[in-house]
Amino acid sequence: FAKKVFLGYRLRGVEPQEIGKIMEKEKEQVSDNIFGIYYREKFGSSALIPEELLSELKNEYRNFYNASFSDIFSELEIDLIVWDKKNEPGLTYEDISILRKTASIGDDFIIYEASGF
């Protein structure tokens, strides 16, 4: 699950040097998205994820960031992406060369197909 969380950060344009600050700010979401309810049940709050583990995740993101989108999408078996332009206007799927726009749903959603991997 960590790589899917990392992909979310990468698509948001989070640079490796920024990941520490952002993961600290979003610690509860990171914990919930990667470990589910484990730390919430164990410690009473998802935000109480051990600092050593959070540090490992930050280092893993730095390595993940250097991978190509082609490699990432292939490994995660992603072949379609739906962009919610209304709620996530800052994402830049147009800039990812392996994505091809295949459909639109109104003005708010664009569907991309991943190819070339």
N, C-alpha and C. Protein backbone atom coordinates (compact mmCIF):
# COMPACT_ATOMS: atom_id res chain seq x y z
N PHE A 1 0.81 -1.20 0.00
CA PHE A 1 0.00 0.00 0.00
C PHE A 1 0.86 1.26 0.00
N ALA A 2 2.06 1.16 0.50
CA ALA A 2 2.91 2.35 0.59
C ALA A 2 3.16 2.96 -0.79
N LYS A 3 3.37 2.13 -1.79
CA LYS A 3 3.66 2.66 -3.12
C LYS A 3 2.47 3.40 -3.70
N LYS A 4 1.27 2.99 -3.36
CA LYS A 4 0.08 3.71 -3.83
C LYS A 4 0.00 5.08 -3.15
N VAL A 5 0.36 5.13 -1.88
CA VAL A 5 0.39 6.41 -1.17
C VAL A 5 1.49 7.29 -1.78
N PHE A 6 2.64 6.69 -2.05
CA PHE A 6 3.74 7.43 -2.67
C PHE A 6 3.32 7.98 -4.03
N LEU A 7 2.59 7.18 -4.80
CA LEU A 7 2.13 7.65 -6.11
C LEU A 7 1.23 8.88 -5.95
N GLY A 8 0.39 8.87 -4.96
CA GLY A 8 -0.46 10.03 -4.69
C GLY A 8 0.37 11.28 -4.45
N TYR A 9 1.42 11.14 -3.65
CA TYR A 9 2.31 12.28 -3.40
C TYR A 9 3.02 12.71 -4.68
N ARG A 10 3.47 11.75 -5.43
CA ARG A 10 4.19 12.06 -6.68
C ARG A 10 3.28 12.80 -7.65
N LEU A 11 2.03 12.35 -7.77
CA LEU A 11 1.09 13.01 -8.66
C LEU A 11 0.74 14.42 -8.17
N ARG A 12 0.82 14.63 -6.88
CA ARG A 12 0.59 15.96 -6.32
C ARG A 12 1.80 16.86 -6.50
N GLY A 13 2.90 16.31 -7.00
CA GLY A 13 4.10 17.12 -7.24
C GLY A 13 4.98 17.28 -6.02
N VAL A 14 4.86 16.38 -5.04
CA VAL A 14 5.67 16.48 -3.83
C VAL A 14 7.09 16.03 -4.14
N GLU A 15 8.04 16.93 -3.96
CA GLU A 15 9.45 16.66 -4.19
C GLU A 15 10.03 15.88 -3.01
N PRO A 16 11.09 15.09 -3.24
CA PRO A 16 11.68 14.31 -2.15
C PRO A 16 12.08 15.15 -0.94
N GLN A 17 12.58 16.36 -1.17
CA GLN A 17 13.00 17.19 -0.04
C GLN A 17 11.81 17.72 0.77
N GLU A 18 10.60 17.63 0.24
CA GLU A 18 9.40 18.11 0.93
C GLU A 18 8.66 17.01 1.67
N ILE A 19 8.97 15.74 1.37
CA ILE A 19 8.15 14.64 1.85
C ILE A 19 8.11 14.54 3.37
N GLY A 20 9.22 14.83 4.03
CA GLY A 20 9.25 14.74 5.50
C GLY A 20 8.23 15.65 6.15
N LYS A 21 8.24 16.89 5.74
CA LYS A 21 7.32 17.88 6.30
C LYS A 21 5.86 17.50 6.00
N ILE A 22 5.61 17.04 4.79
CA ILE A 22 4.24 16.71 4.40
C ILE A 22 3.76 15.45 5.11
N MET A 23 4.61 14.43 5.21
CA MET A 23 4.21 13.22 5.93
C MET A 23 3.96 13.50 7.41
N GLU A 24 4.74 14.37 7.99
CA GLU A 24 4.51 14.74 9.38
C GLU A 24 3.14 15.40 9.53
N LYS A 25 2.83 16.30 8.62
CA LYS A 25 1.55 17.00 8.65
C LYS A 25 0.38 16.04 8.40
N GLU A 26 0.59 15.05 7.54
CA GLU A 26 -0.46 14.10 7.16
C GLU A 26 -0.25 12.73 7.79
N LYS A 27 0.40 12.70 8.94
CA LYS A 27 0.79 11.45 9.59
C LYS A 27 -0.38 10.48 9.78
N GLU A 28 -1.51 11.00 10.19
CA GLU A 28 -2.68 10.15 10.43
C GLU A 28 -3.17 9.52 9.13
N GLN A 29 -3.23 10.30 8.06
CA GLN A 29 -3.66 9.78 6.76
C GLN A 29 -2.67 8.75 6.23
N VAL A 30 -1.39 9.02 6.38
CA VAL A 30 -0.36 8.08 5.93
C VAL A 30 -0.54 6.76 6.65
N SER A 31 -0.67 6.82 7.95
CA SER A 31 -0.84 5.61 8.75
C SER A 31 -2.10 4.84 8.35
N ASP A 32 -3.22 5.54 8.23
CA ASP A 32 -4.47 4.88 7.86
C ASP A 32 -4.39 4.26 6.47
N ASN A 33 -3.82 4.98 5.52
CA ASN A 33 -3.77 4.49 4.14
C ASN A 33 -2.82 3.31 3.95
N ILE A 34 -1.78 3.25 4.75
CA ILE A 34 -0.81 2.16 4.59
C ILE A 34 -1.11 1.00 5.55
N PHE A 35 -1.43 1.31 6.79
CA PHE A 35 -1.57 0.27 7.81
C PHE A 35 -3.00 0.04 8.28
N GLY A 36 -3.96 0.75 7.68
CA GLY A 36 -5.35 0.58 8.10
C GLY A 36 -5.54 1.03 9.54
N ILE A 37 -6.22 0.21 10.32
CA ILE A 37 -6.53 0.61 11.70
C ILE A 37 -5.50 0.12 12.71
N TYR A 38 -4.42 -0.52 12.26
CA TYR A 38 -3.46 -1.14 13.16
C TYR A 38 -2.97 -0.19 14.26
N TYR A 39 -2.41 0.96 13.87
CA TYR A 39 -1.86 1.87 14.88
C TYR A 39 -2.96 2.58 15.67
N ARG A 40 -4.10 2.80 15.07
CA ARG A 40 -5.23 3.39 15.79
C ARG A 40 -5.67 2.45 16.91
N GLU A 41 -5.76 1.16 16.59
CA GLU A 41 -6.16 0.17 17.59
C GLU A 41 -5.06 -0.05 18.63
N LYS A 42 -3.82 -0.09 18.18
CA LYS A 42 -2.71 -0.38 19.09
C LYS A 42 -2.42 0.77 20.06
N PHE A 43 -2.45 2.01 19.56
CA PHE A 43 -2.05 3.16 20.37
C PHE A 43 -3.17 4.16 20.64
N GLY A 44 -4.34 3.95 20.04
CA GLY A 44 -5.46 4.86 20.25
C GLY A 44 -5.55 5.98 19.24
N SER A 45 -4.56 6.08 18.35
CA SER A 45 -4.57 7.11 17.32
C SER A 45 -3.66 6.70 16.18
N SER A 46 -4.13 6.91 14.98
CA SER A 46 -3.29 6.61 13.81
C SER A 46 -2.07 7.52 13.75
N ALA A 47 -2.17 8.69 14.36
CA ALA A 47 -1.07 9.65 14.34
C ALA A 47 0.11 9.19 15.19
N LEU A 48 -0.08 8.13 15.96
CA LEU A 48 1.00 7.64 16.83
C LEU A 48 1.85 6.56 16.15
N ILE A 49 1.89 6.59 14.84
CA ILE A 49 2.77 5.70 14.08
C ILE A 49 4.20 5.96 14.56
N PRO A 50 4.99 4.91 14.81
CA PRO A 50 6.36 5.12 15.31
C PRO A 50 7.19 6.00 14.38
N GLU A 51 7.97 6.89 14.96
CA GLU A 51 8.80 7.81 14.19
C GLU A 51 9.81 7.08 13.30
N GLU A 52 10.33 5.94 13.79
CA GLU A 52 11.29 5.18 12.99
C GLU A 52 10.64 4.69 11.70
N LEU A 53 9.39 4.24 11.81
CA LEU A 53 8.67 3.75 10.65
C LEU A 53 8.36 4.90 9.69
N LEU A 54 7.97 6.03 10.22
CA LEU A 54 7.71 7.20 9.37
C LEU A 54 8.99 7.63 8.65
N SER A 55 10.11 7.56 9.34
CA SER A 55 11.40 7.90 8.74
C SER A 55 11.74 6.93 7.61
N GLU A 56 11.47 5.64 7.80
CA GLU A 56 11.68 4.65 6.75
C GLU A 56 10.83 4.96 5.53
N LEU A 57 9.56 5.33 5.76
CA LEU A 57 8.66 5.66 4.66
C LEU A 57 9.16 6.87 3.88
N LYS A 58 9.68 7.86 4.58
CA LYS A 58 10.24 9.04 3.92
C LYS A 58 11.40 8.65 3.01
N ASN A 59 12.27 7.78 3.51
CA ASN A 59 13.41 7.33 2.70
C ASN A 59 12.95 6.50 1.50
N GLU A 60 11.95 5.65 1.70
CA GLU A 60 11.40 4.86 0.60
C GLU A 60 10.81 5.77 -0.47
N TYR A 61 10.15 6.85 -0.05
CA TYR A 61 9.58 7.78 -1.04
C TYR A 61 10.68 8.40 -1.87
N ARG A 62 11.76 8.74 -1.23
CA ARG A 62 12.86 9.36 -1.98
C ARG A 62 13.36 8.42 -3.09
N ASN A 63 13.41 7.13 -2.82
CA ASN A 63 13.80 6.15 -3.84
C ASN A 63 12.69 5.98 -4.88
N PHE A 64 11.46 5.92 -4.43
CA PHE A 64 10.30 5.77 -5.31
C PHE A 64 10.23 6.92 -6.31
N TYR A 65 10.52 8.11 -5.84
CA TYR A 65 10.40 9.31 -6.67
C TYR A 65 11.25 9.22 -7.93
N ASN A 66 12.35 8.52 -7.88
CA ASN A 66 13.26 8.42 -9.02
C ASN A 66 12.81 7.42 -10.08
N ALA A 67 11.81 6.60 -9.77
CA ALA A 67 11.32 5.62 -10.74
C ALA A 67 10.48 6.32 -11.81
N SER A 68 10.46 5.76 -13.00
CA SER A 68 9.65 6.33 -14.08
C SER A 68 8.17 6.00 -13.84
N PHE A 69 7.30 6.82 -14.39
CA PHE A 69 5.87 6.53 -14.30
C PHE A 69 5.56 5.20 -14.97
N SER A 70 6.25 4.90 -16.04
CA SER A 70 6.05 3.64 -16.73
C SER A 70 6.31 2.46 -15.79
N ASP A 71 7.42 2.51 -15.07
CA ASP A 71 7.75 1.45 -14.12
C ASP A 71 6.75 1.39 -12.97
N ILE A 72 6.37 2.54 -12.47
CA ILE A 72 5.42 2.60 -11.34
C ILE A 72 4.06 2.04 -11.75
N PHE A 73 3.54 2.51 -12.88
CA PHE A 73 2.22 2.06 -13.31
C PHE A 73 2.23 0.57 -13.62
N SER A 74 3.32 0.08 -14.19
CA SER A 74 3.45 -1.34 -14.48
C SER A 74 3.45 -2.16 -13.19
N GLU A 75 4.28 -1.76 -12.24
CA GLU A 75 4.38 -2.48 -10.97
C GLU A 75 3.05 -2.48 -10.21
N LEU A 76 2.35 -1.36 -10.22
CA LEU A 76 1.09 -1.24 -9.50
C LEU A 76 -0.11 -1.72 -10.33
N GLU A 77 0.17 -2.14 -11.57
CA GLU A 77 -0.86 -2.65 -12.48
C GLU A 77 -1.98 -1.62 -12.70
N ILE A 78 -1.55 -0.39 -12.96
CA ILE A 78 -2.50 0.70 -13.23
C ILE A 78 -2.61 0.87 -14.73
N ASP A 79 -3.82 0.75 -15.24
CA ASP A 79 -3.99 0.97 -16.68
C ASP A 79 -4.99 2.08 -16.99
N LEU A 80 -5.77 2.48 -16.00
CA LEU A 80 -6.70 3.61 -16.17
C LEU A 80 -6.63 4.53 -14.97
N ILE A 81 -6.78 5.81 -15.25
CA ILE A 81 -6.84 6.82 -14.19
C ILE A 81 -8.02 7.73 -14.50
N VAL A 82 -8.79 8.02 -13.47
CA VAL A 82 -9.88 8.98 -13.60
C VAL A 82 -9.49 10.21 -12.81
N TRP A 83 -9.40 11.34 -13.51
CA TRP A 83 -9.01 12.61 -12.88
C TRP A 83 -10.28 13.39 -12.57
N ASP A 84 -10.46 13.69 -11.30
CA ASP A 84 -11.55 14.53 -10.82
C ASP A 84 -11.04 15.97 -10.82
N LYS A 85 -11.23 16.65 -11.94
CA LYS A 85 -10.70 18.01 -12.11
C LYS A 85 -11.30 19.00 -11.12
N LYS A 86 -12.53 18.77 -10.71
CA LYS A 86 -13.19 19.69 -9.80
C LYS A 86 -12.56 19.64 -8.41
N ASN A 87 -12.30 18.44 -7.90
CA ASN A 87 -11.77 18.30 -6.55
C ASN A 87 -10.25 18.25 -6.48
N GLU A 88 -9.60 17.96 -7.59
CA GLU A 88 -8.13 17.89 -7.64
C GLU A 88 -7.60 18.67 -8.84
N PRO A 89 -7.88 19.97 -8.90
CA PRO A 89 -7.50 20.74 -10.09
C PRO A 89 -5.99 20.89 -10.28
N GLY A 90 -5.22 20.71 -9.23
CA GLY A 90 -3.77 20.91 -9.33
C GLY A 90 -3.00 19.74 -9.89
N LEU A 91 -3.64 18.60 -10.06
CA LEU A 91 -2.93 17.45 -10.60
C LEU A 91 -2.65 17.68 -12.09
N THR A 92 -1.55 17.13 -12.55
CA THR A 92 -1.14 17.41 -13.93
C THR A 92 -0.93 16.11 -14.71
N TYR A 93 -1.99 15.38 -14.93
CA TYR A 93 -1.89 14.13 -15.67
C TYR A 93 -1.46 14.36 -17.11
N GLU A 94 -1.75 15.53 -17.66
CA GLU A 94 -1.36 15.82 -19.04
C GLU A 94 0.15 15.75 -19.22
N ASP A 95 0.90 15.96 -18.15
CA ASP A 95 2.36 15.98 -18.22
C ASP A 95 3.00 14.60 -18.17
N ILE A 96 2.19 13.55 -17.98
CA ILE A 96 2.73 12.19 -17.89
C ILE A 96 2.63 11.55 -19.27
N SER A 97 3.77 11.32 -19.87
CA SER A 97 3.81 10.91 -21.28
C SER A 97 3.14 9.57 -21.57
N ILE A 98 3.06 8.68 -20.61
CA ILE A 98 2.46 7.37 -20.89
C ILE A 98 0.93 7.37 -20.76
N LEU A 99 0.35 8.52 -20.40
CA LEU A 99 -1.10 8.61 -20.28
C LEU A 99 -1.70 9.22 -21.53
N ARG A 100 -2.78 8.62 -21.97
CA ARG A 100 -3.50 9.10 -23.15
C ARG A 100 -4.96 9.34 -22.76
N LYS A 101 -5.45 10.53 -23.01
CA LYS A 101 -6.84 10.85 -22.69
C LYS A 101 -7.76 10.00 -23.55
N THR A 102 -8.68 9.29 -22.91
CA THR A 102 -9.58 8.42 -23.66
C THR A 102 -11.03 8.86 -23.59
N ALA A 103 -11.42 9.59 -22.55
CA ALA A 103 -12.82 10.01 -22.44
C ALA A 103 -12.95 11.13 -21.42
N SER A 104 -14.06 11.83 -21.51
CA SER A 104 -14.42 12.85 -20.53
C SER A 104 -15.84 12.58 -20.06
N ILE A 105 -16.10 12.91 -18.82
CA ILE A 105 -17.45 12.81 -18.28
C ILE A 105 -17.79 14.23 -17.80
N GLY A 106 -18.59 14.90 -18.59
CA GLY A 106 -18.87 16.30 -18.29
C GLY A 106 -17.59 17.10 -18.33
N ASP A 107 -17.57 18.15 -17.51
CA ASP A 107 -16.37 18.99 -17.42
C ASP A 107 -15.50 18.62 -16.23
N ASP A 108 -15.98 17.68 -15.42
CA ASP A 108 -15.29 17.40 -14.16
C ASP A 108 -14.37 16.19 -14.15
N PHE A 109 -14.58 15.23 -15.05
CA PHE A 109 -13.81 14.00 -15.02
C PHE A 109 -13.17 13.72 -16.37
N ILE A 110 -11.90 13.32 -16.33
CA ILE A 110 -11.20 12.90 -17.55
C ILE A 110 -10.61 11.52 -17.25
N ILE A 111 -10.78 10.62 -18.21
CA ILE A 111 -10.26 9.26 -18.08
C ILE A 111 -9.03 9.14 -18.96
N TYR A 112 -7.95 8.64 -18.36
CA TYR A 112 -6.70 8.41 -19.07
C TYR A 112 -6.38 6.93 -19.07
N GLU A 113 -5.79 6.49 -20.17
CA GLU A 113 -5.32 5.12 -20.27
C GLU A 113 -3.80 5.15 -20.25
N ALA A 114 -3.21 4.28 -19.45
CA ALA A 114 -1.76 4.18 -19.41
C ALA A 114 -1.29 3.18 -20.46
N SER A 115 -0.23 3.53 -21.16
CA SER A 115 0.29 2.62 -22.19
C SER A 115 1.81 2.76 -22.26
N GLY A 116 2.43 1.84 -22.94
CA GLY A 116 3.86 1.94 -23.15
C GLY A 116 4.70 1.28 -22.08
N PHE A 117 4.10 0.37 -21.34
CA PHE A 117 4.91 -0.37 -20.36
C PHE A 117 4.63 -1.84 -20.44
